Amino acid sequence: MRPTFFCVAFLFFSSFSMAQDTITLVSGKRVRGEVIHQGEKEVEVVTRAAKLLVIPKSDVAEIKMGKPIRKSLAAQIKGKELDPDALLAAAEWGSDTKSLKKDCLRLARRALALEPDFAKARRYLGQVRFEDTWYKNQKEADKALAKKMRASGFVFVRGAWVAKSEKGRLKRSPGLFMLDGRRKWRLTDELMKERKMLPWKGDWYKPQEKLLVDELRRFEELTGSLFQGAQHGPTTVVISGRRGEAERILSRIRATRKWFDETFKPKGETFVAGPSSLIVILRDRPTYLSFLKRGGAIHGADANRVAYGQKHDSMSFGPLSRVSCQAEPLWEHTLISGTGATMMRLWGHIDFDAAPVLYVAAGHLAEIRILGEIRIHFAKADGYDRVAKTTRKYRSLKEAKKLLQEALKDNKVIGLSRLFKTSLGGLTAVHEAQGLFLLQYLKQTNGDGLRVFVQDRGPGEFAARFLAAFKITPEKMQEEFWRWFEDLQ
């Protein structure tokens, strides 16, 4: 409970900015801390132990004020000198500045003295809670824990405590145990059941993931293969493999979405829609064929994906056309590329007949950002043969730049109007490379125009919509784009 303070004639708030004050008592004893209140009958001081002491004025012989808190920090609490939340916020604000660290600790001590149950302030001061008691630091808490554990018949093994009767089993079969969050080894099955976790093939899932477990069971029944999964928000990954793989893929898909948001979305813009909520990865051909043979179906949004990897010669990726993988395990690249492309389509409300070069470019950039190289191309093989005179697909921005420089030199690039209007099936290697750099150019030089252009799908001639969005004609932008491209390092 916070102390109640009454303003009296002798109260002076200048002392709020003071720290390390010294109070000499009539008895000769000295009290050091921070005087926060002086009244007619008493003096209130916060000690270094973050305790609030109330000293009768009659017991005080002398008060010597120490150095004031630095002005920049004092300004943060002006008018809120007795507000624990404001005091701690100021301490956190200044904690990264070396010259303010000591004063920040004083503010945190004051916050805790005014509100003893302020857990956040205690943690700021380095205190550690064990059961219902706060200790000065981790070392003190460990001592208290050790005392209690030994008294309860526990022994310290492998960095934590375990019941003496389980010591031998822990050493023989450590995989059967897990830490319970209180530095105690517990049998995993026992602890998971206490937490009402759902068992599935050697793993445990949260109670709220029951539908995911049901989905894993359904895929196992359909294919005869082991499935694991991972879930975060609206996105679920189901894979014929280990759970760690599902978690890694989910993490990369989330990273792709975050990259897109940070790269293309203006501040404050909300992005409600998103790619498929269910991603299913069938890692081998037997599983894939078994899934199809038994009438497998994927439930969910329109962009649901089924990808199968390892040694295969094709893969299905939702609405994006079939992609040749040449017996390479490229399903992960397909997912990331498709996520980047789908984010661009949904953000810009782009359909497959409108500027597909932009969402293909977004897919390429996502691959580079998340996986380090481009492996998924949408241009047809004969497009590469006809335009680039090679079937080698570029994998980096450097290689894409070289391809585009050669095409520019041979006068084999096309104008922006035509590039924007080229269908997905009509894209060539040069088109993809040109779009890859064009998207970067637009984001760097005219991000607002890009947003307006891709989101405005109203009626009207292409040239008119282009001019309204970018405030420049396609022909003029084309000149500026190539100058920008030639200046790239």
Protein backbone atom coordinates (compact mmCIF):
# COMPACT_ATOMS: atom_id res chain seq x y z
CA MET A 1 0.00 0.00 0.00
CA ARG A 2 1.39 3.41 -0.92
CA PRO A 3 2.02 5.88 1.94
CA THR A 4 -0.22 8.95 2.03
CA PHE A 5 1.63 12.25 1.98
CA PHE A 6 0.23 15.57 3.21
CA CYS A 7 1.62 18.87 2.01
CA VAL A 8 2.47 21.13 4.94
CA ALA A 9 4.13 24.50 5.20
CA PHE A 10 7.60 23.07 5.71
CA LEU A 11 7.53 20.64 2.75
CA PHE A 12 9.98 21.60 0.02
CA PHE A 13 10.02 19.70 -3.23
CA SER A 14 13.53 20.69 -4.16
CA SER A 15 14.66 17.72 -2.08
CA PHE A 16 13.04 15.38 -4.61
CA SER A 17 16.01 15.95 -6.90
CA MET A 18 18.51 15.22 -4.13
CA ALA A 19 20.18 11.85 -3.53
CA GLN A 20 22.60 10.32 -1.03
CA ASP A 21 21.57 12.67 1.73
CA THR A 22 22.95 12.15 5.25
CA ILE A 23 20.79 12.47 8.37
CA THR A 24 22.63 12.70 11.66
CA LEU A 25 20.47 11.67 14.59
CA VAL A 26 20.60 13.09 18.11
CA SER A 27 21.99 9.71 19.21
CA GLY A 28 24.95 10.20 16.87
CA LYS A 29 23.83 7.51 14.43
CA ARG A 30 23.79 8.41 10.74
CA VAL A 31 21.19 7.45 8.14
CA ARG A 32 22.12 7.70 4.46
CA GLY A 33 19.65 7.69 1.63
CA GLU A 34 17.35 10.11 -0.16
CA VAL A 35 15.19 12.57 1.73
CA ILE A 36 11.86 12.79 -0.09
CA HIS A 37 9.81 14.68 2.48
CA GLN A 38 10.37 17.01 5.42
CA GLY A 39 7.41 17.98 7.56
CA GLU A 40 6.93 19.72 10.87
CA LYS A 41 7.14 16.49 12.86
CA GLU A 42 8.95 13.97 10.66
CA VAL A 43 11.45 13.30 7.88
CA GLU A 44 10.93 10.60 5.26
CA VAL A 45 13.97 9.00 3.66
CA VAL A 46 14.54 6.15 1.18
CA THR A 47 17.48 3.98 2.17
CA ARG A 48 19.88 2.13 -0.13
CA ALA A 49 17.91 -1.01 0.69
CA ALA A 50 14.83 0.67 -0.85
CA LYS A 51 13.09 0.98 2.52
CA LEU A 52 11.03 4.01 3.48
CA LEU A 53 11.99 5.29 6.91
CA VAL A 54 9.94 7.84 8.82
CA ILE A 55 12.12 9.62 11.42
CA PRO A 56 10.62 11.91 14.06
CA LYS A 57 11.97 15.44 13.58
CA SER A 58 12.82 15.55 17.27
CA ASP A 59 15.38 12.74 16.71
CA VAL A 60 17.18 14.62 13.93
CA ALA A 61 20.25 16.68 14.76
CA GLU A 62 21.34 17.58 11.21
CA ILE A 63 20.45 16.94 7.57
CA LYS A 64 23.16 17.26 4.94
CA MET A 65 21.87 17.15 1.37
CA GLY A 66 23.89 15.28 -1.25
CA LYS A 67 24.30 15.79 -4.99
CA PRO A 68 21.13 16.36 -6.99
CA ILE A 69 19.94 13.92 -9.63
CA ARG A 70 21.10 15.02 -13.05
CA LYS A 71 18.85 17.53 -14.78
CA SER A 72 17.98 15.37 -17.79
CA LEU A 73 16.68 12.62 -15.49
CA ALA A 74 14.98 15.01 -13.08
CA ALA A 75 13.07 16.48 -16.02
CA GLN A 76 11.55 13.06 -16.71
CA ILE A 77 9.84 12.97 -13.29
CA LYS A 78 8.92 16.62 -12.92
CA GLY A 79 5.52 16.78 -11.24
CA LYS A 80 5.57 13.00 -10.69
CA GLU A 81 8.22 12.76 -7.99
CA LEU A 82 6.09 10.40 -5.88
CA ASP A 83 4.62 8.30 -8.70
CA PRO A 84 6.28 4.84 -8.64
CA ASP A 85 5.39 4.10 -12.28
CA ALA A 86 6.83 7.41 -13.49
CA LEU A 87 9.96 6.94 -11.37
CA LEU A 88 10.67 3.50 -12.81
CA ALA A 89 9.91 4.66 -16.36
CA ALA A 90 12.49 7.42 -15.92
CA ALA A 91 15.01 4.90 -14.56
CA GLU A 92 14.49 2.66 -17.60
CA TRP A 93 14.74 5.67 -19.91
CA GLY A 94 18.17 6.60 -18.60
CA SER A 95 19.58 3.15 -17.86
CA ASP A 96 21.59 2.95 -21.10
CA THR A 97 23.44 6.19 -20.33
CA LYS A 98 26.52 5.50 -18.24
CA SER A 99 26.49 8.86 -16.45
CA LEU A 100 22.87 8.34 -15.33
CA LYS A 101 23.08 4.75 -14.05
CA LYS A 102 23.56 5.60 -10.36
CA ASP A 103 20.73 8.12 -10.40
CA CYS A 104 18.52 5.59 -12.20
CA LEU A 105 19.08 3.14 -9.34
CA ARG A 106 18.06 5.83 -6.86
CA LEU A 107 14.81 6.43 -8.73
CA ALA A 108 14.10 2.69 -8.80
CA ARG A 109 14.76 2.46 -5.05
CA ARG A 110 12.40 5.35 -4.46
CA ALA A 111 9.70 3.66 -6.57
CA LEU A 112 10.06 0.44 -4.58
CA ALA A 113 10.08 2.25 -1.23
CA LEU A 114 6.82 3.98 -2.15
CA GLU A 115 5.26 0.72 -3.43
CA PRO A 116 6.87 -2.34 -1.78
CA ASP A 117 4.89 -4.77 -4.00
CA PHE A 118 6.27 -3.20 -7.19
CA ALA A 119 7.73 -6.38 -8.77
CA LYS A 120 9.03 -4.60 -11.85
CA ALA A 121 11.08 -2.21 -9.71
CA ARG A 122 12.48 -5.13 -7.72
CA ARG A 123 13.60 -6.86 -10.90
CA TYR A 124 15.18 -3.63 -12.13
CA LEU A 125 17.23 -3.54 -8.93
CA GLY A 126 18.38 -7.10 -9.55
CA GLN A 127 16.21 -8.76 -6.93
CA VAL A 128 15.06 -12.35 -7.45
CA ARG A 129 11.86 -13.93 -6.20
CA PHE A 130 11.81 -17.42 -4.78
CA GLU A 131 8.34 -18.63 -3.78
CA ASP A 132 6.87 -15.69 -1.82
CA THR A 133 10.11 -13.99 -0.86
CA TRP A 134 12.28 -11.48 -2.71
CA TYR A 135 16.04 -11.78 -2.34
CA LYS A 136 18.73 -9.21 -2.94
CA ASN A 137 20.20 -11.10 -5.87
CA GLN A 138 20.33 -14.51 -7.57
CA LYS A 139 23.05 -15.74 -5.24
CA GLU A 140 20.93 -15.08 -2.15
CA ALA A 141 17.90 -16.74 -3.80
CA ASP A 142 20.01 -19.78 -4.69
CA LYS A 143 21.13 -20.11 -1.08
CA ALA A 144 17.52 -20.06 0.11
CA LEU A 145 16.52 -22.63 -2.52
CA ALA A 146 19.43 -24.91 -1.62
CA LYS A 147 18.53 -24.79 2.06
CA LYS A 148 14.93 -25.74 1.35
CA MET A 149 15.78 -28.45 -1.18
CA ARG A 150 18.26 -30.21 1.09
CA ALA A 151 15.79 -30.10 3.94
CA SER A 152 13.21 -31.73 1.64
CA GLY A 153 15.50 -34.59 0.59
CA PHE A 154 16.63 -33.23 -2.79
CA VAL A 155 20.14 -33.38 -4.26
CA PHE A 156 21.85 -31.15 -6.83
CA VAL A 157 22.50 -32.96 -10.14
CA ARG A 158 23.20 -31.61 -13.65
CA GLY A 159 22.63 -27.98 -12.67
CA ALA A 160 19.30 -28.44 -10.86
CA TRP A 161 17.58 -30.27 -8.01
CA VAL A 162 16.06 -33.73 -8.11
CA ALA A 163 14.47 -36.03 -5.55
CA LYS A 164 17.14 -38.30 -4.07
CA SER A 165 15.15 -41.36 -5.15
CA GLU A 166 15.32 -40.21 -8.82
CA LYS A 167 19.03 -39.32 -8.86
CA GLY A 168 20.12 -42.61 -10.43
CA ARG A 169 17.43 -42.58 -13.13
CA LEU A 170 18.27 -38.97 -14.07
CA LYS A 171 21.91 -39.92 -14.60
CA ARG A 172 21.00 -43.02 -16.62
CA SER A 173 18.17 -41.54 -18.69
CA PRO A 174 18.28 -37.73 -18.69
CA GLY A 175 15.92 -37.64 -21.67
CA LEU A 176 13.05 -38.72 -19.41
CA PHE A 177 13.32 -35.52 -17.36
CA MET A 178 12.83 -31.81 -17.87
CA LEU A 179 13.18 -28.68 -15.74
CA ASP A 180 9.96 -27.39 -14.23
CA GLY A 181 10.88 -23.70 -14.18
CA ARG A 182 11.87 -23.82 -10.50
CA ARG A 183 15.25 -25.45 -11.05
CA LYS A 184 13.88 -28.90 -10.31
CA TRP A 185 14.12 -31.99 -12.50
CA ARG A 186 10.74 -33.64 -13.07
CA LEU A 187 9.66 -36.63 -15.15
CA THR A 188 8.50 -35.16 -18.45
CA ASP A 189 5.33 -37.28 -18.69
CA GLU A 190 4.32 -36.38 -15.16
CA LEU A 191 4.95 -32.66 -15.62
CA MET A 192 3.23 -32.47 -19.02
CA LYS A 193 0.12 -34.19 -17.68
CA GLU A 194 -0.01 -31.70 -14.82
CA ARG A 195 0.04 -28.93 -17.41
CA LYS A 196 -2.70 -30.70 -19.41
CA MET A 197 -0.48 -30.94 -22.48
CA LEU A 198 -1.52 -33.18 -25.38
CA PRO A 199 0.79 -36.12 -26.24
CA TRP A 200 1.59 -36.87 -29.87
CA LYS A 201 4.27 -39.28 -31.10
CA GLY A 202 6.92 -38.38 -28.56
CA ASP A 203 6.07 -34.66 -28.46
CA TRP A 204 3.70 -32.54 -26.42
CA TYR A 205 1.32 -29.87 -27.66
CA LYS A 206 -0.49 -27.11 -25.80
CA PRO A 207 -4.16 -27.66 -24.87
CA GLN A 208 -5.19 -24.93 -27.33
CA GLU A 209 -3.49 -26.88 -30.14
CA LYS A 210 -6.00 -29.73 -30.05
CA LEU A 211 -7.17 -29.01 -33.61
CA LEU A 212 -3.55 -29.16 -34.76
CA VAL A 213 -3.09 -32.58 -33.16
CA ASP A 214 -6.31 -33.74 -34.84
CA GLU A 215 -4.89 -32.55 -38.17
CA LEU A 216 -1.63 -34.44 -37.56
CA ARG A 217 -3.60 -37.60 -36.80
CA ARG A 218 -5.62 -37.16 -40.01
CA PHE A 219 -2.50 -36.89 -42.16
CA GLU A 220 -0.93 -39.92 -40.50
CA GLU A 221 -4.06 -41.96 -41.25
CA LEU A 222 -4.04 -40.79 -44.88
CA THR A 223 -0.38 -41.42 -45.62
CA GLY A 224 0.98 -43.82 -43.00
CA SER A 225 3.81 -41.32 -42.32
CA LEU A 226 4.65 -39.50 -39.10
CA PHE A 227 3.57 -35.85 -39.02
CA GLN A 228 4.49 -33.05 -36.63
CA GLY A 229 3.44 -29.42 -36.62
CA ALA A 230 3.87 -25.90 -35.34
CA GLN A 231 1.40 -23.08 -34.87
CA HIS A 232 1.54 -19.35 -34.24
CA GLY A 233 -1.44 -17.05 -34.56
CA PRO A 234 -3.33 -17.81 -37.79
CA THR A 235 -0.49 -19.82 -39.32
CA THR A 236 -0.13 -23.58 -38.98
CA VAL A 237 2.63 -25.74 -40.47
CA VAL A 238 2.14 -29.49 -40.83
CA ILE A 239 5.12 -31.54 -42.02
CA SER A 240 5.95 -35.19 -42.64
CA GLY A 241 9.06 -34.87 -40.53
CA ARG A 242 10.34 -33.65 -37.18
CA ARG A 243 8.68 -30.96 -35.14
CA GLY A 244 11.86 -28.89 -35.18
CA GLU A 245 11.56 -28.64 -38.96
CA ALA A 246 7.98 -27.39 -38.69
CA GLU A 247 9.05 -24.79 -36.11
CA ARG A 248 11.94 -23.66 -38.31
CA ILE A 249 9.69 -23.25 -41.36
CA LEU A 250 7.09 -21.39 -39.31
CA SER A 251 9.80 -19.09 -37.97
CA ARG A 252 11.00 -18.31 -41.49
CA ILE A 253 7.49 -17.64 -42.77
CA ARG A 254 6.93 -15.25 -39.87
CA ALA A 255 10.29 -13.60 -40.65
CA THR A 256 9.18 -13.20 -44.28
CA ARG A 257 5.98 -11.47 -43.23
CA LYS A 258 7.91 -9.20 -40.86
CA TRP A 259 10.39 -8.36 -43.63
CA PHE A 260 7.55 -7.46 -45.98
CA ASP A 261 5.83 -5.29 -43.39
CA GLU A 262 9.03 -3.42 -42.56
CA THR A 263 10.00 -3.03 -46.23
CA PHE A 264 6.79 -2.05 -47.97
CA LYS A 265 4.09 -1.00 -45.54
CA PRO A 266 3.90 2.69 -44.55
CA LYS A 267 3.90 3.34 -40.81
CA GLY A 268 0.51 2.85 -39.23
CA GLU A 269 -0.95 0.85 -42.12
CA THR A 270 -2.76 -2.27 -40.95
CA PHE A 271 -2.48 -5.50 -42.89
CA VAL A 272 -5.37 -7.73 -41.96
CA ALA A 273 -5.22 -10.32 -44.70
CA GLY A 274 -2.35 -12.76 -45.08
CA PRO A 275 -1.19 -15.89 -46.84
CA SER A 276 -2.68 -19.27 -46.12
CA SER A 277 -3.38 -20.24 -42.55
CA LEU A 278 -2.41 -23.88 -43.26
CA ILE A 279 0.85 -25.00 -44.84
CA VAL A 280 1.32 -28.71 -45.46
CA ILE A 281 4.73 -30.10 -46.41
CA LEU A 282 4.93 -33.65 -47.72
CA ARG A 283 8.66 -34.38 -47.59
CA ASP A 284 8.87 -37.41 -49.90
CA ARG A 285 7.19 -38.83 -52.99
CA PRO A 286 5.70 -41.95 -51.30
CA THR A 287 3.96 -39.75 -48.73
CA TYR A 288 2.76 -37.40 -51.45
CA LEU A 289 1.41 -40.19 -53.66
CA SER A 290 -0.22 -41.92 -50.69
CA PHE A 291 -1.88 -38.66 -49.75
CA LEU A 292 -3.34 -38.25 -53.26
CA LYS A 293 -4.28 -41.93 -53.63
CA ARG A 294 -6.35 -41.89 -50.47
CA GLY A 295 -8.22 -38.76 -51.47
CA GLY A 296 -6.34 -36.31 -49.29
CA ALA A 297 -7.62 -32.76 -49.22
CA ILE A 298 -6.31 -29.60 -47.60
CA HIS A 299 -8.81 -27.48 -45.71
CA GLY A 300 -8.41 -23.73 -45.34
CA ALA A 301 -8.02 -20.52 -47.33
CA ASP A 302 -7.59 -20.24 -51.09
CA ALA A 303 -3.79 -20.02 -50.86
CA ASN A 304 -3.26 -23.28 -48.96
CA ARG A 305 0.01 -24.91 -49.97
CA VAL A 306 1.12 -28.48 -50.47
CA ALA A 307 4.80 -28.92 -51.16
CA TYR A 308 6.79 -32.11 -51.32
CA GLY A 309 10.54 -32.17 -51.25
CA GLN A 310 13.78 -34.11 -51.40
CA LYS A 311 14.14 -35.79 -54.82
CA HIS A 312 11.20 -34.77 -56.96
CA ASP A 313 10.62 -33.17 -60.31
CA SER A 314 7.71 -30.87 -59.61
CA MET A 315 5.84 -29.27 -56.78
CA SER A 316 2.43 -27.69 -56.31
CA PHE A 317 2.24 -24.28 -54.71
CA GLY A 318 -1.31 -23.02 -54.33
CA PRO A 319 -2.26 -20.57 -57.09
CA LEU A 320 1.32 -20.14 -58.32
CA SER A 321 2.07 -22.29 -61.36
CA ARG A 322 3.97 -25.56 -61.20
CA VAL A 323 7.69 -25.04 -60.76
CA SER A 324 10.43 -27.35 -61.97
CA CYS A 325 12.78 -28.26 -59.12
CA GLN A 326 15.18 -30.51 -61.04
CA ALA A 327 15.41 -33.15 -58.31
CA GLU A 328 16.54 -30.60 -55.69
CA PRO A 329 14.92 -30.07 -52.27
CA LEU A 330 13.58 -26.61 -53.04
CA TRP A 331 10.28 -26.79 -51.21
CA GLU A 332 11.51 -24.37 -48.55
CA HIS A 333 12.49 -21.81 -51.18
CA THR A 334 9.08 -22.27 -52.78
CA LEU A 335 7.31 -21.53 -49.52
CA ILE A 336 9.35 -18.41 -48.77
CA SER A 337 9.22 -17.09 -52.32
CA GLY A 338 5.49 -17.73 -52.46
CA THR A 339 4.93 -16.03 -49.11
CA GLY A 340 6.71 -12.88 -50.29
CA ALA A 341 4.80 -12.93 -53.59
CA THR A 342 1.47 -13.55 -51.87
CA MET A 343 2.08 -10.72 -49.39
CA MET A 344 2.62 -8.34 -52.30
CA ARG A 345 -0.51 -9.57 -54.05
CA LEU A 346 -2.66 -9.17 -50.96
CA TRP A 347 -1.16 -5.83 -49.94
CA GLY A 348 -1.68 -4.47 -53.41
CA HIS A 349 -4.87 -6.36 -54.26
CA ILE A 350 -3.04 -7.55 -57.38
CA ASP A 351 -4.63 -10.31 -59.40
CA PHE A 352 -2.79 -12.62 -61.77
CA ASP A 353 -3.50 -10.44 -64.77
CA ALA A 354 -2.16 -7.25 -63.16
CA ALA A 355 1.58 -6.48 -62.89
CA PRO A 356 2.66 -10.03 -61.95
CA VAL A 357 6.28 -8.89 -62.31
CA LEU A 358 5.88 -7.04 -58.99
CA TYR A 359 4.83 -10.03 -56.94
CA VAL A 360 7.42 -12.23 -58.61
CA ALA A 361 10.03 -9.61 -57.62
CA ALA A 362 8.71 -9.62 -54.05
CA GLY A 363 9.15 -13.40 -54.01
CA HIS A 364 12.76 -13.05 -55.17
CA LEU A 365 13.55 -10.42 -52.54
CA ALA A 366 12.00 -12.60 -49.83
CA GLU A 367 14.24 -15.51 -50.84
CA ILE A 368 17.34 -13.32 -50.71
CA ARG A 369 16.42 -11.80 -47.37
CA ILE A 370 15.40 -15.03 -45.61
CA LEU A 371 17.37 -17.78 -47.36
CA GLY A 372 20.27 -15.88 -48.90
CA GLU A 373 19.70 -16.71 -52.57
CA ILE A 374 17.09 -17.01 -55.32
CA ARG A 375 16.18 -20.54 -56.38
CA ILE A 376 12.55 -20.26 -57.55
CA HIS A 377 11.88 -18.74 -60.99
CA PHE A 378 8.52 -18.31 -62.67
CA ALA A 379 9.80 -17.71 -66.19
CA LYS A 380 9.47 -20.68 -68.52
CA ALA A 381 12.60 -22.57 -69.54
CA ASP A 382 12.22 -21.57 -73.20
CA GLY A 383 12.12 -17.97 -72.05
CA TYR A 384 15.61 -18.36 -70.65
CA ASP A 385 16.76 -20.10 -73.83
CA ARG A 386 15.31 -17.42 -76.07
CA VAL A 387 16.32 -14.31 -74.15
CA ALA A 388 19.23 -15.10 -71.86
CA LYS A 389 20.71 -17.78 -74.14
CA THR A 390 21.34 -19.96 -71.08
CA THR A 391 19.36 -22.19 -68.78
CA ARG A 392 21.41 -21.12 -65.72
CA LYS A 393 19.12 -19.36 -63.29
CA TYR A 394 20.61 -16.39 -61.41
CA ARG A 395 20.75 -16.84 -57.63
CA SER A 396 21.91 -13.45 -56.38
CA LEU A 397 21.38 -9.77 -57.03
CA LYS A 398 24.88 -9.65 -58.48
CA GLU A 399 24.08 -12.35 -61.04
CA ALA A 400 20.70 -10.77 -61.82
CA LYS A 401 22.41 -7.43 -62.38
CA LYS A 402 24.92 -9.01 -64.77
CA LEU A 403 22.11 -10.69 -66.73
CA LEU A 404 20.21 -7.41 -67.00
CA GLN A 405 23.33 -5.47 -68.00
CA GLU A 406 23.95 -7.93 -70.85
CA ALA A 407 20.30 -7.71 -71.97
CA LEU A 408 20.47 -3.92 -71.86
CA LYS A 409 23.66 -3.95 -73.93
CA ASP A 410 22.03 -6.25 -76.50
CA ASN A 411 18.87 -4.08 -76.51
CA LYS A 412 16.74 -7.00 -75.26
CA VAL A 413 14.91 -5.23 -72.40
CA ILE A 414 11.33 -4.00 -72.73
CA GLY A 415 9.61 -0.76 -71.73
CA LEU A 416 7.92 -0.33 -68.36
CA SER A 417 4.40 -0.25 -69.79
CA ARG A 418 4.92 -3.57 -71.50
CA LEU A 419 6.71 -5.03 -68.48
CA PHE A 420 3.82 -4.19 -66.16
CA LYS A 421 1.33 -5.70 -68.60
CA THR A 422 3.25 -8.96 -69.20
CA SER A 423 1.37 -11.98 -67.86
CA LEU A 424 2.91 -14.49 -65.46
CA GLY A 425 3.22 -17.07 -68.23
CA GLY A 426 4.92 -14.54 -70.50
CA LEU A 427 7.74 -13.61 -68.14
CA THR A 428 11.31 -14.38 -69.18
CA ALA A 429 14.53 -14.38 -67.17
CA VAL A 430 15.26 -10.82 -68.25
CA HIS A 431 11.75 -9.72 -67.27
CA GLU A 432 12.21 -11.21 -63.80
CA ALA A 433 15.59 -9.54 -63.34
CA GLN A 434 14.23 -6.22 -64.59
CA GLY A 435 11.28 -6.45 -62.20
CA LEU A 436 13.58 -7.39 -59.32
CA PHE A 437 15.48 -4.11 -59.61
CA LEU A 438 12.43 -2.09 -60.59
CA LEU A 439 10.66 -3.00 -57.34
CA GLN A 440 13.71 -1.91 -55.33
CA TYR A 441 13.91 1.32 -57.32
CA LEU A 442 10.23 2.14 -56.74
CA LYS A 443 10.48 1.44 -53.01
CA GLN A 444 13.61 3.59 -52.71
CA THR A 445 12.48 6.55 -54.82
CA ASN A 446 8.68 6.53 -54.80
CA GLY A 447 7.28 4.29 -52.06
CA ASP A 448 4.04 6.23 -51.76
CA GLY A 449 3.49 6.02 -55.50
CA LEU A 450 4.09 2.27 -55.44
CA ARG A 451 1.47 1.82 -52.72
CA VAL A 452 -1.09 3.92 -54.62
CA PHE A 453 -0.41 2.14 -57.90
CA VAL A 454 -0.72 -1.43 -56.63
CA GLN A 455 -3.72 -0.69 -54.42
CA ASP A 456 -5.70 1.32 -56.97
CA ARG A 457 -7.40 -1.28 -59.14
CA GLY A 458 -10.10 1.06 -60.34
CA PRO A 459 -11.09 1.53 -63.98
CA GLY A 460 -8.98 3.62 -66.32
CA GLU A 461 -6.18 3.46 -68.85
CA PHE A 462 -2.84 2.11 -67.63
CA ALA A 463 -0.96 5.30 -68.53
CA ALA A 464 -3.46 7.47 -66.65
CA ARG A 465 -3.33 5.31 -63.52
CA PHE A 466 0.46 5.20 -63.70
CA LEU A 467 0.69 9.00 -63.95
CA ALA A 468 -1.80 9.50 -61.11
CA ALA A 469 0.18 7.22 -58.81
CA PHE A 470 3.80 8.08 -59.63
CA LYS A 471 3.33 11.66 -60.92
CA ILE A 472 5.51 10.71 -63.87
CA THR A 473 4.95 8.99 -67.22
CA PRO A 474 6.17 5.40 -67.80
CA GLU A 475 8.59 6.69 -70.43
CA LYS A 476 10.15 9.27 -68.11
CA MET A 477 10.39 6.77 -65.23
CA GLN A 478 12.06 4.29 -67.57
CA GLU A 479 14.83 6.82 -68.29
CA GLU A 480 15.32 7.54 -64.57
CA PHE A 481 15.23 3.83 -63.68
CA TRP A 482 18.02 2.94 -66.08
CA ARG A 483 20.16 5.85 -64.80
CA TRP A 484 19.56 4.57 -61.24
CA PHE A 485 20.42 1.00 -62.33
CA GLU A 486 23.68 2.05 -64.00
CA ASP A 487 24.74 3.86 -60.81
CA LEU A 488 24.22 0.79 -58.63
CA GLN A 489 27.42 -0.46 -56.99
